Amino acid sequence: GRRAPCVLNLYYERRWEQPLTALREELGITGPPGH
């Protein structure tokens, strides 16, 4: 939450084709703890 920019600034409807991994990388979001 601290690392990512404001998630309300994302026009999700125009990003449908963007790979989810690429969007996470753009926002600095990492995956949840594996266990």
PDB file of all heavy atoms in Angstrom:
ATOM      1  N   GLY A   1       0.806  -1.210   0.000  1.00  0.00           N
ATOM      2  CA  GLY A   1       0.000   0.000   0.000  1.00  0.00           C
ATOM      3  C   GLY A   1       0.838   1.259   0.000  1.00  0.00           C
ATOM      4  O   GLY A   1       0.494   2.255  -0.659  1.00  0.00           O
ATOM      5  N   ARG A   2       1.950   1.245   0.726  1.00  0.00           N
ATOM      6  CA  ARG A   2       2.831   2.407   0.774  1.00  0.00           C
ATOM      7  C   ARG A   2       3.620   2.575  -0.524  1.00  0.00           C
ATOM      8  O   ARG A   2       3.865   3.695  -0.970  1.00  0.00           O
ATOM      9  CB  ARG A   2       3.803   2.267   1.956  1.00  0.00           C
ATOM     10  CG  ARG A   2       3.153   2.458   3.313  1.00  0.00           C
ATOM     11  CD  ARG A   2       4.153   2.197   4.424  1.00  0.00           C
ATOM     12  NE  ARG A   2       3.607   2.506   5.740  1.00  0.00           N
ATOM     13  CZ  ARG A   2       4.190   2.198   6.888  1.00  0.00           C
ATOM     14  NH1 ARG A   2       5.364   1.561   6.877  1.00  0.00           N
ATOM     15  NH2 ARG A   2       3.624   2.504   8.041  1.00  0.00           N
ATOM     16  N   ARG A   3       4.015   1.444  -1.115  1.00  0.00           N
ATOM     17  CA  ARG A   3       4.867   1.502  -2.294  1.00  0.00           C
ATOM     18  C   ARG A   3       4.101   1.857  -3.567  1.00  0.00           C
ATOM     19  O   ARG A   3       4.617   2.574  -4.435  1.00  0.00           O
ATOM     20  CB  ARG A   3       5.565   0.147  -2.459  1.00  0.00           C
ATOM     21  CG  ARG A   3       6.598   0.099  -3.560  1.00  0.00           C
ATOM     22  CD  ARG A   3       7.489  -1.120  -3.419  1.00  0.00           C
ATOM     23  NE  ARG A   3       6.681  -2.325  -3.215  1.00  0.00           N
ATOM     24  CZ  ARG A   3       6.850  -3.182  -2.211  1.00  0.00           C
ATOM     25  NH1 ARG A   3       7.764  -2.953  -1.302  1.00  0.00           N
ATOM     26  NH2 ARG A   3       6.095  -4.269  -2.109  1.00  0.00           N
ATOM     27  N   ALA A   4       2.866   1.393  -3.668  1.00  0.00           N
ATOM     28  CA  ALA A   4       2.092   1.588  -4.897  1.00  0.00           C
ATOM     29  C   ALA A   4       1.577   3.023  -4.995  1.00  0.00           C
ATOM     30  O   ALA A   4       1.224   3.640  -3.984  1.00  0.00           O
ATOM     31  CB  ALA A   4       0.908   0.622  -4.926  1.00  0.00           C
ATOM     32  N   PRO A   5       1.514   3.584  -6.205  1.00  0.00           N
ATOM     33  CA  PRO A   5       0.832   4.866  -6.392  1.00  0.00           C
ATOM     34  C   PRO A   5      -0.663   4.691  -6.156  1.00  0.00           C
ATOM     35  O   PRO A   5      -1.152   3.563  -6.015  1.00  0.00           O
ATOM     36  CB  PRO A   5       1.136   5.219  -7.852  1.00  0.00           C
ATOM     37  CG  PRO A   5       1.388   3.905  -8.512  1.00  0.00           C
ATOM     38  CD  PRO A   5       2.014   3.028  -7.468  1.00  0.00           C
ATOM     39  N   CYS A   6      -1.386   5.784  -6.114  1.00  0.00           N
ATOM     40  CA  CYS A   6      -2.828   5.728  -5.833  1.00  0.00           C
ATOM     41  C   CYS A   6      -3.537   4.840  -6.856  1.00  0.00           C
ATOM     42  O   CYS A   6      -3.515   5.120  -8.063  1.00  0.00           O
ATOM     43  CB  CYS A   6      -3.413   7.130  -5.870  1.00  0.00           C
ATOM     44  SG  CYS A   6      -5.206   7.183  -5.597  1.00  0.00           S
ATOM     45  N   VAL A   7      -4.175   3.775  -6.387  1.00  0.00           N
ATOM     46  CA  VAL A   7      -4.791   2.808  -7.300  1.00  0.00           C
ATOM     47  C   VAL A   7      -6.070   3.347  -7.933  1.00  0.00           C
ATOM     48  O   VAL A   7      -6.577   2.761  -8.884  1.00  0.00           O
ATOM     49  CB  VAL A   7      -5.085   1.477  -6.575  1.00  0.00           C
ATOM     50  CG1 VAL A   7      -3.790   0.754  -6.239  1.00  0.00           C
ATOM     51  CG2 VAL A   7      -5.919   1.712  -5.315  1.00  0.00           C
ATOM     52  N   LEU A   8      -6.587   4.472  -7.437  1.00  0.00           N
ATOM     53  CA  LEU A   8      -7.742   5.090  -8.086  1.00  0.00           C
ATOM     54  C   LEU A   8      -7.342   5.839  -9.348  1.00  0.00           C
ATOM     55  O   LEU A   8      -8.212   6.255 -10.125  1.00  0.00           O
ATOM     56  CB  LEU A   8      -8.456   6.041  -7.118  1.00  0.00           C
ATOM     57  CG  LEU A   8      -9.175   5.409  -5.935  1.00  0.00           C
ATOM     58  CD1 LEU A   8      -9.934   6.475  -5.156  1.00  0.00           C
ATOM     59  CD2 LEU A   8     -10.119   4.311  -6.383  1.00  0.00           C
ATOM     60  N   ASN A   9      -6.044   6.021  -9.557  1.00  0.00           N
ATOM     61  CA  ASN A   9      -5.575   6.709 -10.758  1.00  0.00           C
ATOM     62  C   ASN A   9      -5.413   5.773 -11.949  1.00  0.00           C
ATOM     63  O   ASN A   9      -4.936   6.200 -13.000  1.00  0.00           O
ATOM     64  CB  ASN A   9      -4.235   7.402 -10.485  1.00  0.00           C
ATOM     65  CG  ASN A   9      -4.393   8.648  -9.636  1.00  0.00           C
ATOM     66  OD1 ASN A   9      -5.456   9.261  -9.614  1.00  0.00           O
ATOM     67  ND2 ASN A   9      -3.346   9.019  -8.922  1.00  0.00           N
ATOM     68  N   LEU A  10      -5.779   4.512 -11.791  1.00  0.00           N
ATOM     69  CA  LEU A  10      -5.650   3.554 -12.880  1.00  0.00           C
ATOM     70  C   LEU A  10      -6.973   3.436 -13.633  1.00  0.00           C
ATOM     71  O   LEU A  10      -8.007   3.111 -13.042  1.00  0.00           O
ATOM     72  CB  LEU A  10      -5.253   2.180 -12.339  1.00  0.00           C
ATOM     73  CG  LEU A  10      -3.854   2.085 -11.719  1.00  0.00           C
ATOM     74  CD1 LEU A  10      -3.658   0.713 -11.106  1.00  0.00           C
ATOM     75  CD2 LEU A  10      -2.784   2.360 -12.753  1.00  0.00           C
ATOM     76  N   TYR A  11      -6.923   3.668 -14.924  1.00  0.00           N
ATOM     77  CA  TYR A  11      -8.099   3.514 -15.784  1.00  0.00           C
ATOM     78  C   TYR A  11      -8.135   2.041 -16.206  1.00  0.00           C
ATOM     79  O   TYR A  11      -7.742   1.681 -17.310  1.00  0.00           O
ATOM     80  CB  TYR A  11      -7.992   4.439 -16.997  1.00  0.00           C
ATOM     81  CG  TYR A  11      -9.309   4.900 -17.561  1.00  0.00           C
ATOM     82  CD1 TYR A  11      -9.479   6.218 -17.994  1.00  0.00           C
ATOM     83  CD2 TYR A  11     -10.397   4.028 -17.669  1.00  0.00           C
ATOM     84  CE1 TYR A  11     -10.696   6.661 -18.504  1.00  0.00           C
ATOM     85  CE2 TYR A  11     -11.605   4.468 -18.180  1.00  0.00           C
ATOM     86  CZ  TYR A  11     -11.754   5.777 -18.605  1.00  0.00           C
ATOM     87  OH  TYR A  11     -12.963   6.213 -19.105  1.00  0.00           O
ATOM     88  N   TYR A  12      -8.627   1.199 -15.299  1.00  0.00           N
ATOM     89  CA  TYR A  12      -8.560  -0.253 -15.487  1.00  0.00           C
ATOM     90  C   TYR A  12      -9.213  -0.683 -16.800  1.00  0.00           C
ATOM     91  O   TYR A  12      -8.740  -1.615 -17.462  1.00  0.00           O
ATOM     92  CB  TYR A  12      -9.229  -0.964 -14.312  1.00  0.00           C
ATOM     93  CG  TYR A  12      -8.539  -0.733 -12.996  1.00  0.00           C
ATOM     94  CD1 TYR A  12      -8.983   0.263 -12.121  1.00  0.00           C
ATOM     95  CD2 TYR A  12      -7.440  -1.483 -12.614  1.00  0.00           C
ATOM     96  CE1 TYR A  12      -8.340   0.497 -10.916  1.00  0.00           C
ATOM     97  CE2 TYR A  12      -6.796  -1.267 -11.408  1.00  0.00           C
ATOM     98  CZ  TYR A  12      -7.254  -0.272 -10.561  1.00  0.00           C
ATOM     99  OH  TYR A  12      -6.608  -0.038  -9.371  1.00  0.00           O
ATOM    100  N   GLU A  13     -10.307  -0.021 -17.155  1.00  0.00           N
ATOM    101  CA  GLU A  13     -11.040  -0.405 -18.352  1.00  0.00           C
ATOM    102  C   GLU A  13     -10.213  -0.244 -19.630  1.00  0.00           C
ATOM    103  O   GLU A  13     -10.551  -0.837 -20.659  1.00  0.00           O
ATOM    104  CB  GLU A  13     -12.325   0.429 -18.474  1.00  0.00           C
ATOM    105  CG  GLU A  13     -13.300   0.230 -17.319  1.00  0.00           C
ATOM    106  CD  GLU A  13     -13.073   1.192 -16.168  1.00  0.00           C
ATOM    107  OE1 GLU A  13     -11.910   1.635 -15.976  1.00  0.00           O
ATOM    108  OE2 GLU A  13     -14.035   1.522 -15.455  1.00  0.00           O
ATOM    109  N   ARG A  14      -9.154   0.546 -19.566  1.00  0.00           N
ATOM    110  CA  ARG A  14      -8.279   0.730 -20.728  1.00  0.00           C
ATOM    111  C   ARG A  14      -6.978  -0.051 -20.586  1.00  0.00           C
ATOM    112  O   ARG A  14      -6.050   0.121 -21.393  1.00  0.00           O
ATOM    113  CB  ARG A  14      -7.995   2.214 -20.936  1.00  0.00           C
ATOM    114  CG  ARG A  14      -9.269   2.996 -21.221  1.00  0.00           C
ATOM    115  CD  ARG A  14      -9.012   4.400 -21.661  1.00  0.00           C
ATOM    116  NE  ARG A  14     -10.271   5.060 -22.007  1.00  0.00           N
ATOM    117  CZ  ARG A  14     -10.372   6.323 -22.412  1.00  0.00           C
ATOM    118  NH1 ARG A  14      -9.280   7.051 -22.515  1.00  0.00           N
ATOM    119  NH2 ARG A  14     -11.544   6.847 -22.716  1.00  0.00           N
ATOM    120  N   ARG A  15      -6.917  -0.869 -19.557  1.00  0.00           N
ATOM    121  CA  ARG A  15      -5.728  -1.684 -19.314  1.00  0.00           C
ATOM    122  C   ARG A  15      -6.040  -3.182 -19.339  1.00  0.00           C
ATOM    123  O   ARG A  15      -5.230  -3.984 -18.891  1.00  0.00           O
ATOM    124  CB  ARG A  15      -5.110  -1.313 -17.962  1.00  0.00           C
ATOM    125  CG  ARG A  15      -4.478   0.082 -17.912  1.00  0.00           C
ATOM    126  CD  ARG A  15      -4.058   0.418 -16.502  1.00  0.00           C
ATOM    127  NE  ARG A  15      -3.303   1.653 -16.388  1.00  0.00           N
ATOM    128  CZ  ARG A  15      -1.984   1.717 -16.281  1.00  0.00           C
ATOM    129  NH1 ARG A  15      -1.268   0.607 -16.304  1.00  0.00           N
ATOM    130  NH2 ARG A  15      -1.365   2.878 -16.152  1.00  0.00           N
ATOM    131  N   TRP A  16      -7.212  -3.549 -19.831  1.00  0.00           N
ATOM    132  CA  TRP A  16      -7.612  -4.968 -19.792  1.00  0.00           C
ATOM    133  C   TRP A  16      -6.574  -5.876 -20.436  1.00  0.00           C
ATOM    134  O   TRP A  16      -6.349  -6.995 -19.979  1.00  0.00           O
ATOM    135  CB  TRP A  16      -8.944  -5.161 -20.494  1.00  0.00           C
ATOM    136  CG  TRP A  16     -10.160  -4.602 -19.844  1.00  0.00           C
ATOM    137  CD1 TRP A  16     -11.153  -3.884 -20.450  1.00  0.00           C
ATOM    138  CD2 TRP A  16     -10.570  -4.708 -18.469  1.00  0.00           C
ATOM    139  NE1 TRP A  16     -12.129  -3.529 -19.551  1.00  0.00           N
ATOM    140  CE2 TRP A  16     -11.807  -4.032 -18.324  1.00  0.00           C
ATOM    141  CE3 TRP A  16     -10.003  -5.315 -17.344  1.00  0.00           C
ATOM    142  CZ2 TRP A  16     -12.480  -3.941 -17.114  1.00  0.00           C
ATOM    143  CZ3 TRP A  16     -10.674  -5.219 -16.125  1.00  0.00           C
ATOM    144  CH2 TRP A  16     -11.898  -4.544 -16.019  1.00  0.00           C
ATOM    145  N   GLU A  17      -5.929  -5.431 -21.509  1.00  0.00           N
ATOM    146  CA  GLU A  17      -5.001  -6.286 -22.243  1.00  0.00           C
ATOM    147  C   GLU A  17      -3.612  -6.334 -21.619  1.00  0.00           C
ATOM    148  O   GLU A  17      -2.792  -7.166 -21.996  1.00  0.00           O
ATOM    149  CB  GLU A  17      -4.890  -5.810 -23.695  1.00  0.00           C
ATOM    150  CG  GLU A  17      -6.212  -5.894 -24.454  1.00  0.00           C
ATOM    151  CD  GLU A  17      -6.084  -5.423 -25.886  1.00  0.00           C
ATOM    152  OE1 GLU A  17      -4.957  -5.062 -26.299  1.00  0.00           O
ATOM    153  OE2 GLU A  17      -7.108  -5.408 -26.598  1.00  0.00           O
ATOM    154  N   GLN A  18      -3.346  -5.454 -20.664  1.00  0.00           N
ATOM    155  CA  GLN A  18      -2.022  -5.420 -20.032  1.00  0.00           C
ATOM    156  C   GLN A  18      -1.808  -6.675 -19.192  1.00  0.00           C
ATOM    157  O   GLN A  18      -2.680  -7.070 -18.408  1.00  0.00           O
ATOM    158  CB  GLN A  18      -1.896  -4.182 -19.147  1.00  0.00           C
ATOM    159  CG  GLN A  18      -0.512  -3.996 -18.530  1.00  0.00           C
ATOM    160  CD  GLN A  18      -0.393  -2.672 -17.783  1.00  0.00           C
ATOM    161  OE1 GLN A  18      -1.336  -1.894 -17.716  1.00  0.00           O
ATOM    162  NE2 GLN A  18       0.776  -2.405 -17.238  1.00  0.00           N
ATOM    163  N   PRO A  19      -0.661  -7.333 -19.320  1.00  0.00           N
ATOM    164  CA  PRO A  19      -0.389  -8.492 -18.470  1.00  0.00           C
ATOM    165  C   PRO A  19      -0.436  -8.107 -16.992  1.00  0.00           C
ATOM    166  O   PRO A  19       0.097  -7.056 -16.601  1.00  0.00           O
ATOM    167  CB  PRO A  19       1.020  -8.922 -18.890  1.00  0.00           C
ATOM    168  CG  PRO A  19       1.182  -8.398 -20.285  1.00  0.00           C
ATOM    169  CD  PRO A  19       0.416  -7.098 -20.298  1.00  0.00           C
ATOM    170  N   LEU A  20      -1.077  -8.936 -16.195  1.00  0.00           N
ATOM    171  CA  LEU A  20      -1.215  -8.632 -14.773  1.00  0.00           C
ATOM    172  C   LEU A  20       0.148  -8.517 -14.104  1.00  0.00           C
ATOM    173  O   LEU A  20       0.353  -7.652 -13.251  1.00  0.00           O
ATOM    174  CB  LEU A  20      -2.057  -9.711 -14.091  1.00  0.00           C
ATOM    175  CG  LEU A  20      -2.333  -9.538 -12.599  1.00  0.00           C
ATOM    176  CD1 LEU A  20      -3.011  -8.212 -12.317  1.00  0.00           C
ATOM    177  CD2 LEU A  20      -3.178 -10.701 -12.072  1.00  0.00           C
ATOM    178  N   THR A  21       1.093  -9.363 -14.498  1.00  0.00           N
ATOM    179  CA  THR A  21       2.430  -9.292 -13.910  1.00  0.00           C
ATOM    180  C   THR A  21       3.099  -7.953 -14.225  1.00  0.00           C
ATOM    181  O   THR A  21       3.791  -7.384 -13.375  1.00  0.00           O
ATOM    182  CB  THR A  21       3.305 -10.436 -14.424  1.00  0.00           C
ATOM    183  OG1 THR A  21       3.303 -10.431 -15.869  1.00  0.00           O
ATOM    184  CG2 THR A  21       2.793 -11.784 -13.923  1.00  0.00           C
ATOM    185  N   ALA A  22       2.882  -7.448 -15.449  1.00  0.00           N
ATOM    186  CA  ALA A  22       3.470  -6.164 -15.831  1.00  0.00           C
ATOM    187  C   ALA A  22       2.841  -5.019 -15.038  1.00  0.00           C
ATOM    188  O   ALA A  22       3.533  -4.070 -14.639  1.00  0.00           O
ATOM    189  CB  ALA A  22       3.300  -5.934 -17.330  1.00  0.00           C
ATOM    190  N   LEU A  23       1.526  -5.092 -14.814  1.00  0.00           N
ATOM    191  CA  LEU A  23       0.856  -4.048 -14.042  1.00  0.00           C
ATOM    192  C   LEU A  23       1.324  -4.077 -12.592  1.00  0.00           C
ATOM    193  O   LEU A  23       1.563  -3.020 -11.990  1.00  0.00           O
ATOM    194  CB  LEU A  23      -0.660  -4.239 -14.124  1.00  0.00           C
ATOM    195  CG  LEU A  23      -1.508  -3.205 -13.377  1.00  0.00           C
ATOM    196  CD1 LEU A  23      -1.185  -1.786 -13.830  1.00  0.00           C
ATOM    197  CD2 LEU A  23      -2.992  -3.500 -13.568  1.00  0.00           C
ATOM    198  N   ARG A  24       1.472  -5.266 -12.031  1.00  0.00           N
ATOM    199  CA  ARG A  24       1.987  -5.360 -10.663  1.00  0.00           C
ATOM    200  C   ARG A  24       3.390  -4.770 -10.573  1.00  0.00           C
ATOM    201  O   ARG A  24       3.714  -4.056  -9.617  1.00  0.00           O
ATOM    202  CB  ARG A  24       2.000  -6.822 -10.211  1.00  0.00           C
ATOM    203  CG  ARG A  24       0.622  -7.380  -9.885  1.00  0.00           C
ATOM    204  CD  ARG A  24       0.687  -8.880  -9.660  1.00  0.00           C
ATOM    205  NE  ARG A  24      -0.591  -9.408  -9.206  1.00  0.00           N
ATOM    206  CZ  ARG A  24      -0.903 -10.711  -9.224  1.00  0.00           C
ATOM    207  NH1 ARG A  24      -0.015 -11.594  -9.659  1.00  0.00           N
ATOM    208  NH2 ARG A  24      -2.093 -11.105  -8.809  1.00  0.00           N
ATOM    209  N   GLU A  25       4.209  -5.050 -11.564  1.00  0.00           N
ATOM    210  CA  GLU A  25       5.566  -4.503 -11.569  1.00  0.00           C
ATOM    211  C   GLU A  25       5.528  -2.990 -11.679  1.00  0.00           C
ATOM    212  O   GLU A  25       6.294  -2.280 -11.003  1.00  0.00           O
ATOM    213  CB  GLU A  25       6.355  -5.104 -12.730  1.00  0.00           C
ATOM    214  CG  GLU A  25       7.814  -4.677 -12.763  1.00  0.00           C
ATOM    215  CD  GLU A  25       8.586  -5.364 -13.870  1.00  0.00           C
ATOM    216  OE1 GLU A  25       8.031  -6.296 -14.493  1.00  0.00           O
ATOM    217  OE2 GLU A  25       9.746  -4.965 -14.110  1.00  0.00           O
ATOM    218  N   GLU A  26       4.631  -2.456 -12.509  1.00  0.00           N
ATOM    219  CA  GLU A  26       4.494  -1.007 -12.657  1.00  0.00           C
ATOM    220  C   GLU A  26       4.107  -0.352 -11.332  1.00  0.00           C
ATOM    221  O   GLU A  26       4.576   0.742 -11.002  1.00  0.00           O
ATOM    222  CB  GLU A  26       3.426  -0.710 -13.714  1.00  0.00           C
ATOM    223  CG  GLU A  26       3.119   0.755 -13.897  1.00  0.00           C
ATOM    224  CD  GLU A  26       1.958   0.999 -14.864  1.00  0.00           C
ATOM    225  OE1 GLU A  26       1.706   0.140 -15.739  1.00  0.00           O
ATOM    226  OE2 GLU A  26       1.303   2.053 -14.753  1.00  0.00           O
ATOM    227  N   LEU A  27       3.260  -1.024 -10.578  1.00  0.00           N
ATOM    228  CA  LEU A  27       2.767  -0.466  -9.313  1.00  0.00           C
ATOM    229  C   LEU A  27       3.663  -0.802  -8.129  1.00  0.00           C
ATOM    230  O   LEU A  27       3.456  -0.260  -7.036  1.00  0.00           O
ATOM    231  CB  LEU A  27       1.349  -0.986  -9.042  1.00  0.00           C
ATOM    232  CG  LEU A  27       0.285  -0.643 -10.084  1.00  0.00           C
ATOM    233  CD1 LEU A  27      -1.028  -1.316  -9.729  1.00  0.00           C
ATOM    234  CD2 LEU A  27       0.105   0.860 -10.201  1.00  0.00           C
ATOM    235  N   GLY A  28       4.608  -1.707  -8.305  1.00  0.00           N
ATOM    236  CA  GLY A  28       5.449  -2.130  -7.193  1.00  0.00           C
ATOM    237  C   GLY A  28       4.761  -3.095  -6.260  1.00  0.00           C
ATOM    238  O   GLY A  28       5.125  -3.203  -5.082  1.00  0.00           O
ATOM    239  N   ILE A  29       3.759  -3.818  -6.763  1.00  0.00           N
ATOM    240  CA  ILE A  29       3.012  -4.773  -5.946  1.00  0.00           C
ATOM    241  C   ILE A  29       3.641  -6.152  -6.071  1.00  0.00           C
ATOM    242  O   ILE A  29       3.822  -6.662  -7.182  1.00  0.00           O
ATOM    243  CB  ILE A  29       1.534  -4.817  -6.359  1.00  0.00           C
ATOM    244  CG1 ILE A  29       0.848  -3.503  -5.980  1.00  0.00           C
ATOM    245  CG2 ILE A  29       0.807  -6.003  -5.719  1.00  0.00           C
ATOM    246  CD1 ILE A  29      -0.600  -3.413  -6.409  1.00  0.00           C
ATOM    247  N   THR A  30       3.964  -6.756  -4.944  1.00  0.00           N
ATOM    248  CA  THR A  30       4.526  -8.098  -4.926  1.00  0.00           C
ATOM    249  C   THR A  30       3.449  -9.112  -4.566  1.00  0.00           C
ATOM    250  O   THR A  30       2.426  -8.764  -3.978  1.00  0.00           O
ATOM    251  CB  THR A  30       5.676  -8.192  -3.913  1.00  0.00           C
ATOM    252  OG1 THR A  30       5.169  -7.868  -2.608  1.00  0.00           O
ATOM    253  CG2 THR A  30       6.787  -7.219  -4.275  1.00  0.00           C
ATOM    254  N   GLY A  31       3.693 -10.366  -4.916  1.00  0.00           N
ATOM    255  CA  GLY A  31       2.742 -11.419  -4.614  1.00  0.00           C
ATOM    256  C   GLY A  31       2.655 -11.694  -3.122  1.00  0.00           C
ATOM    257  O   GLY A  31       3.578 -11.374  -2.365  1.00  0.00           O
ATOM    258  N   PRO A  32       1.537 -12.291  -2.673  1.00  0.00           N
ATOM    259  CA  PRO A  32       1.369 -12.579  -1.243  1.00  0.00           C
ATOM    260  C   PRO A  32       2.343 -13.645  -0.769  1.00  0.00           C
ATOM    261  O   PRO A  32       2.865 -14.422  -1.581  1.00  0.00           O
ATOM    262  CB  PRO A  32      -0.077 -13.074  -1.154  1.00  0.00           C
ATOM    263  CG  PRO A  32      -0.373 -13.616  -2.514  1.00  0.00           C
ATOM    264  CD  PRO A  32       0.397 -12.749  -3.473  1.00  0.00           C
ATOM    265  N   PRO A  33       2.621 -13.694   0.536  1.00  0.00           N
ATOM    266  CA  PRO A  33       3.489 -14.744   1.082  1.00  0.00           C
ATOM    267  C   PRO A  33       2.983 -16.123   0.661  1.00  0.00           C
ATOM    268  O   PRO A  33       1.798 -16.435   0.806  1.00  0.00           O
ATOM    269  CB  PRO A  33       3.377 -14.537   2.599  1.00  0.00           C
ATOM    270  CG  PRO A  33       2.987 -13.099   2.755  1.00  0.00           C
ATOM    271  CD  PRO A  33       2.124 -12.775   1.569  1.00  0.00           C
ATOM    272  N   GLY A  34       3.876 -16.951   0.147  1.00  0.00           N
ATOM    273  CA  GLY A  34       3.475 -18.217  -0.457  1.00  0.00           C
ATOM    274  C   GLY A  34       2.729 -19.153   0.465  1.00  0.00           C
ATOM    275  O   GLY A  34       1.719 -19.753   0.079  1.00  0.00           O
ATOM    276  N   HIS A  35       3.158 -19.277   1.709  1.00  0.00           N
ATOM    277  CA  HIS A  35       2.545 -20.269   2.591  1.00  0.00           C
ATOM    278  C   HIS A  35       1.216 -19.795   3.191  1.00  0.00           C
ATOM    279  O   HIS A  35       0.599 -20.525   3.955  1.00  0.00           O
ATOM    280  CB  HIS A  35       3.507 -20.649   3.726  1.00  0.00           C
ATOM    281  CG  HIS A  35       3.868 -19.517   4.620  1.00  0.00           C
ATOM    282  ND1 HIS A  35       4.848 -18.592   4.302  1.00  0.00           N
ATOM    283  CD2 HIS A  35       3.389 -19.157   5.836  1.00  0.00           C
ATOM    284  CE1 HIS A  35       4.964 -17.716   5.288  1.00  0.00           C
ATOM    285  NE2 HIS A  35       4.086 -18.030   6.230  1.00  0.00           N
TER     286      HIS A  35
END
